[in-house]
Every structure is written in structure tokens, then in C-alpha cells.
Protein backbone atom coordinates (compact mmCIF):
# COMPACT_ATOMS: atom_id res chain seq x y z
CA MET A 1 -11.44 -45.02 43.41
CA ASN A 2 -12.72 -43.06 46.37
CA SER A 3 -10.45 -40.52 48.04
CA ASN A 4 -11.29 -38.16 50.81
CA ILE A 5 -9.97 -34.63 50.55
CA MET A 6 -9.89 -32.50 53.66
CA ILE A 7 -10.36 -28.79 53.05
CA PRO A 8 -10.12 -26.62 56.16
CA GLN A 9 -12.98 -24.13 56.34
CA GLY A 10 -14.45 -25.83 53.25
CA GLU A 11 -17.98 -24.81 54.24
CA GLU A 12 -17.18 -21.07 54.30
CA LYS A 13 -18.67 -18.91 51.56
CA ILE A 14 -16.86 -16.87 48.93
CA THR A 15 -18.34 -14.17 46.73
CA ILE A 16 -17.52 -14.00 43.04
CA GLU A 17 -18.84 -11.30 40.76
CA LEU A 18 -19.79 -12.74 37.35
CA SER A 19 -21.76 -11.29 34.49
CA VAL A 20 -24.92 -13.11 33.46
CA LYS A 21 -23.09 -14.34 30.34
CA GLU A 22 -20.19 -15.66 32.44
CA ALA A 23 -22.59 -17.52 34.74
CA LEU A 24 -24.41 -18.99 31.75
CA ALA A 25 -21.10 -20.06 30.19
CA LEU A 26 -20.16 -21.85 33.42
CA SER A 27 -23.49 -23.65 33.37
CA GLY A 28 -22.73 -25.02 29.90
CA VAL A 29 -24.30 -22.50 27.52
CA LYS A 30 -22.10 -22.08 24.41
CA PHE A 31 -21.47 -18.62 22.99
CA ALA A 32 -20.47 -18.94 19.32
CA HIS A 33 -18.65 -15.63 19.09
CA ASN A 34 -16.96 -15.69 22.50
CA HIS A 35 -15.23 -18.97 23.24
CA ASP A 36 -13.12 -17.42 26.01
CA LEU A 37 -16.12 -16.48 28.13
CA ALA A 38 -16.23 -19.74 30.12
CA LEU A 39 -12.45 -19.79 30.42
CA ASP A 40 -12.40 -16.25 31.82
CA ALA A 41 -15.21 -17.07 34.25
CA ARG A 42 -13.37 -20.19 35.48
CA LYS A 43 -10.26 -18.07 36.01
CA LYS A 44 -12.29 -15.67 38.18
CA VAL A 45 -13.56 -18.58 40.26
CA GLN A 46 -10.09 -20.12 40.61
CA GLN A 47 -8.54 -16.77 41.56
CA SER A 48 -11.21 -16.17 44.18
CA ILE A 49 -10.59 -19.60 45.70
CA GLU A 50 -6.83 -19.03 45.74
CA ASP A 51 -7.27 -15.63 47.37
CA LYS A 52 -9.54 -17.13 50.05
CA LEU A 53 -7.13 -19.96 50.81
CA LYS A 54 -4.13 -17.60 50.94
CA SER A 55 -5.98 -15.32 53.35
CA GLU A 56 -6.46 -18.30 55.67
CA LEU A 57 -2.71 -19.03 55.89
CA PRO A 58 -1.00 -17.90 59.09
CA HIS A 59 1.27 -14.91 58.57
């Protein structure tokens, strides 16, 4: 299955501030005593994307 998804301004950049541990967790490193680290980092990324897309909507 091959679907094309059109994302307006999909080549624009966003900036997300992550700690080194959060970035490592997103890259697949497992932290035995902090299982929520990757989840929290993904939430930051998702929120940043949502904020960017909302800012692009006409008012």
C-alpha cells in the first residue's frame, strides 16, 4: 500500500528543546529507571508539530 500525504509547508523547520536523555530515548536507548522518558519526549515533539500547524491556519 502506497499513499501520498500532502502536508502544506512540510519542508519548514521546527525547533524542539530536548534534553540529551530525551534525544537518546527517542533514538531507541532504553533507560531502566525512567520508562516515561521517551513518551515525554514524543509528547514534546507532537505538541510542537501541533503548535506549528495551528499557527499556519488562517484566523
